[in-house]
Protein backbone atom coordinates (compact mmCIF):
# COMPACT_ATOMS: atom_id res chain seq x y z
CA MET A 1 8.29 -66.64 5.97
CA THR A 2 4.81 -67.91 4.93
CA THR A 3 6.21 -69.63 1.87
CA ARG A 4 8.99 -71.34 4.04
CA LYS A 5 6.39 -72.63 6.58
CA SER A 6 4.25 -73.94 3.73
CA GLN A 7 7.20 -75.76 2.36
CA ILE A 8 8.31 -77.16 5.66
CA ARG A 9 4.58 -78.40 6.12
CA LYS A 10 4.55 -79.89 2.62
CA ASP A 11 7.89 -81.63 3.36
CA ASN A 12 6.56 -83.04 6.64
CA VAL A 13 3.36 -84.28 5.29
CA GLY A 14 5.19 -86.02 2.33
CA ARG A 15 7.63 -87.79 4.78
CA ILE A 16 4.67 -88.80 7.10
CA LEU A 17 2.76 -90.25 4.20
CA LEU A 18 5.47 -92.28 3.01
CA ALA A 19 6.37 -93.53 6.66
CA ALA A 20 2.64 -94.40 7.06
CA GLU A 21 2.46 -96.27 3.70
CA LYS A 22 5.37 -98.55 5.14
CA ILE A 23 3.75 -99.10 8.46
CA PHE A 24 0.40 -99.78 7.23
CA ALA A 25 1.85 -102.16 4.69
CA LEU A 26 3.91 -104.09 7.23
CA LYS A 27 1.41 -104.17 10.19
CA GLY A 28 -2.02 -103.61 8.50
CA TYR A 29 -4.46 -100.90 9.55
CA VAL A 30 -5.40 -102.50 12.70
CA GLY A 31 -1.86 -103.29 13.79
CA ALA A 32 -0.38 -99.99 13.02
CA SER A 33 -0.21 -97.09 15.51
CA MET A 34 0.52 -93.50 15.47
CA VAL A 35 3.39 -94.26 17.64
CA ASP A 36 4.82 -96.61 15.19
CA ILE A 37 4.58 -94.12 12.36
CA ALA A 38 6.05 -91.23 14.39
CA ALA A 39 8.99 -93.55 15.12
CA GLU A 40 9.47 -94.33 11.48
CA VAL A 41 9.43 -90.71 10.38
CA GLU A 42 11.46 -89.53 13.43
CA LEU A 43 8.79 -86.98 14.64
CA PRO A 44 7.33 -86.73 18.19
CA LYS A 45 3.82 -88.21 18.09
CA SER A 46 2.47 -84.80 19.06
CA ASN A 47 3.92 -83.42 15.73
CA LEU A 48 2.30 -86.25 13.88
CA HIS A 49 -1.14 -85.32 15.30
CA TYR A 50 -0.61 -81.75 14.48
CA TYR A 51 -0.83 -82.86 10.82
CA PHE A 52 -3.20 -85.86 11.11
CA SER A 53 -5.48 -85.93 14.17
CA THR A 54 -6.24 -89.71 13.93
CA LYS A 55 -4.86 -92.94 12.47
CA GLU A 56 -7.94 -93.08 10.20
CA SER A 57 -7.47 -89.57 8.62
CA LEU A 58 -3.74 -90.52 7.97
CA TYR A 59 -4.80 -93.89 6.25
CA ARG A 60 -7.45 -92.09 4.17
CA ALA A 61 -4.72 -89.67 3.21
CA VAL A 62 -2.37 -92.50 2.30
CA LEU A 63 -5.14 -94.03 0.01
CA ASP A 64 -6.11 -90.69 -1.55
CA GLY A 65 -2.39 -90.06 -2.35
CA LEU A 66 -2.37 -93.32 -4.10
CA LEU A 67 -5.33 -92.67 -6.11
CA ALA A 68 -3.84 -89.29 -7.23
CA LEU A 69 -0.55 -90.96 -8.10
CA TRP A 70 -2.42 -93.67 -10.28
CA LYS A 71 -4.63 -91.04 -11.88
CA GLU A 72 -1.32 -89.34 -13.06
CA ASP A 73 -0.06 -92.57 -14.37
CA ALA A 74 -3.20 -92.90 -16.61
CA LEU A 75 -3.08 -89.40 -18.06
CA CYS A 76 -1.31 -90.84 -21.18
CA PHE A 77 -4.84 -92.22 -22.23
CA GLU A 78 -6.00 -88.70 -22.55
CA ALA A 79 -2.77 -87.09 -23.85
CA TYR A 80 -1.94 -89.40 -26.64
CA ASP A 81 -3.81 -91.29 -29.36
CA ASP A 82 -1.18 -93.97 -30.36
CA PRO A 83 -2.09 -97.14 -28.74
CA GLN A 84 1.57 -98.29 -28.65
CA LEU A 85 2.77 -94.98 -26.94
CA VAL A 86 -0.22 -94.92 -24.46
CA LEU A 87 0.18 -98.70 -23.29
CA SER A 88 4.07 -98.72 -23.10
CA THR A 89 3.93 -95.30 -21.17
CA TYR A 90 1.19 -96.61 -18.81
CA ILE A 91 2.88 -100.04 -18.24
CA ARG A 92 6.27 -98.29 -17.54
CA ALA A 93 4.73 -95.86 -15.04
CA LYS A 94 2.95 -98.64 -13.36
CA MET A 95 6.13 -100.69 -13.06
CA MET A 96 8.21 -97.81 -11.80
CA HIS A 97 5.71 -96.98 -9.11
CA SER A 98 6.02 -100.66 -8.05
CA ARG A 99 9.63 -100.23 -7.80
CA GLN A 100 9.53 -96.87 -6.03
CA ARG A 101 6.42 -97.19 -3.91
CA PRO A 102 6.00 -100.95 -3.16
CA TYR A 103 4.58 -100.30 0.28
CA GLY A 104 1.75 -98.11 -1.18
CA SER A 105 0.78 -100.87 -3.59
CA LYS A 106 0.57 -103.26 -0.70
CA VAL A 107 -1.64 -100.97 1.52
CA TRP A 108 -3.98 -100.52 -1.67
CA ALA A 109 -4.09 -104.30 -2.09
CA SER A 110 -5.03 -104.78 1.52
CA GLU A 111 -7.62 -102.21 1.36
CA ILE A 112 -9.19 -103.77 -1.62
CA MET A 113 -8.95 -107.37 -0.38
CA GLN A 114 -10.94 -106.39 2.80
CA GLY A 115 -13.74 -104.77 0.57
CA ALA A 116 -12.58 -101.27 0.83
CA PRO A 117 -13.85 -100.63 4.40
CA VAL A 118 -12.32 -97.03 4.39
CA LEU A 119 -12.91 -95.90 0.84
CA GLY A 120 -16.33 -97.64 0.42
CA GLU A 121 -18.65 -95.98 -2.00
CA GLU A 122 -16.12 -93.40 -3.00
CA LEU A 123 -13.90 -96.26 -4.52
CA THR A 124 -16.89 -97.64 -6.33
CA VAL A 125 -17.77 -94.37 -8.07
CA TRP A 126 -14.08 -93.36 -8.74
CA LEU A 127 -12.96 -96.78 -9.89
CA ASP A 128 -15.91 -97.26 -12.24
CA GLU A 129 -15.56 -93.82 -13.95
CA TRP A 130 -11.75 -94.18 -14.12
CA ALA A 131 -11.69 -97.56 -15.63
CA GLU A 132 -14.44 -96.89 -18.10
CA MET A 133 -12.57 -94.06 -19.64
CA LYS A 134 -9.51 -96.57 -20.20
CA LYS A 135 -11.86 -99.24 -21.48
CA SER A 136 -13.47 -96.83 -23.92
CA ARG A 137 -10.20 -95.99 -25.36
CA LEU A 138 -9.27 -99.70 -25.77
CA ARG A 139 -12.71 -100.34 -27.46
CA GLN A 140 -12.03 -97.27 -29.81
CA TRP A 141 -8.69 -98.75 -30.88
CA ILE A 142 -10.41 -102.16 -31.48
CA SER A 143 -13.06 -100.66 -33.60
CA GLU A 144 -10.46 -98.92 -35.65
CA GLY A 145 -8.42 -101.96 -36.08
CA ARG A 146 -5.40 -100.45 -34.37
CA ILE A 147 -5.21 -103.35 -31.72
CA ASP A 148 -6.66 -106.81 -31.70
CA ASN A 149 -9.99 -107.52 -30.30
CA VAL A 150 -9.62 -108.40 -26.77
CA ASP A 151 -11.82 -107.81 -23.60
CA ALA A 152 -11.14 -104.37 -22.37
CA SER A 153 -11.68 -105.25 -18.78
CA ALA A 154 -9.56 -108.35 -18.79
CA TYR A 155 -6.67 -106.52 -20.52
CA LEU A 156 -6.76 -103.81 -17.82
CA TYR A 157 -6.72 -106.48 -15.13
CA MET A 158 -3.68 -108.01 -16.73
CA ILE A 159 -1.85 -104.74 -16.75
CA TRP A 160 -2.44 -104.07 -13.03
CA ALA A 161 -1.81 -107.66 -12.08
CA SER A 162 1.51 -107.89 -14.17
CA THR A 163 2.80 -104.53 -12.96
CA GLN A 164 1.63 -104.41 -9.25
CA HIS A 165 3.12 -107.98 -8.79
CA TYR A 166 6.50 -106.42 -8.75
CA ALA A 167 5.45 -104.61 -5.50
CA ASP A 168 3.00 -106.93 -3.77
CA PHE A 169 5.13 -109.93 -4.30
CA ASP A 170 8.56 -108.46 -4.17
CA HIS A 171 9.78 -110.98 -1.53
CA GLN A 172 8.72 -113.90 -3.72
CA ILE A 173 10.64 -112.26 -6.68
CA ALA A 174 13.70 -111.90 -4.57
CA VAL A 175 13.41 -115.57 -3.30
CA LEU A 176 13.36 -116.59 -6.95
CA ASN A 177 16.23 -114.27 -7.75
CA GLN A 178 18.68 -116.14 -5.55
CA GLY A 179 17.48 -114.19 -2.54
CA LYS A 180 18.46 -110.81 -3.88
CA ALA A 181 16.03 -107.94 -4.89
CA LEU A 182 16.24 -107.13 -8.52
CA SER A 183 19.12 -104.88 -9.54
CA ASP A 184 18.09 -101.81 -11.56
CA ARG A 185 19.38 -103.44 -14.80
CA GLU A 186 17.33 -106.62 -13.92
CA PHE A 187 14.27 -104.44 -13.17
CA GLU A 188 14.65 -102.55 -16.51
CA GLN A 189 14.73 -106.01 -18.23
CA ALA A 190 11.52 -106.82 -16.29
CA VAL A 191 9.80 -103.50 -17.63
CA GLN A 192 10.76 -104.32 -21.13
CA ASN A 193 9.49 -108.11 -20.72
CA VAL A 194 6.22 -107.17 -19.22
CA THR A 195 5.70 -104.25 -21.99
CA ARG A 196 6.58 -106.71 -24.60
CA VAL A 197 4.27 -109.37 -23.69
CA LEU A 198 1.30 -107.05 -22.91
CA LEU A 199 1.66 -105.18 -26.26
CA LYS A 200 2.08 -108.36 -28.19
CA GLY A 201 -1.07 -109.58 -26.61
CA VAL A 202 -2.95 -106.96 -28.60
CA GLY A 203 -0.94 -107.11 -31.71
CA LEU A 204 1.52 -104.33 -31.06
CA SER A 205 5.31 -104.39 -31.14
CA ALA A 206 7.22 -103.17 -28.14
């Protein structure tokens, strides 16, 4: 019984977080309400408050979940040493999450553009440590002559900008695609194109 209750709780929290991503992305933190989120997840507001007592705690949980997701995306930097494998794996993971979790990317972008009012110092510490590990690996490959000499920070920014563009600007992409969202085939082509360009930029083949 305890295991079943735990699973129900886990499932409900997961559904709530995904619904909250969407509402926060569409309405912003200030414009979103717990009523909106409860309606999106089809739960009574009282049930929503059972899991998250305030809108701020729910918003923070959404951001923390995105941080955890992106940490997972970057595990390849620690798991492998082949730059072609690491970078192609990382780019694909980022692209797929732009496809599968576009609202999450938009929430994150909004938080950052506003100066990280909720994450604050936590973001500064985490982001600095997290990015430095990736940059150190890039510098290592450069020093070993395994990739071309590029600015590590600028290269990371290019990866983030290129991959998250497909989430943050999905409407613009649809407009330029004859008013239709990219099909699975078109998106796979986009993944391959972005990967090819970014890898060639450091002297690797896709």
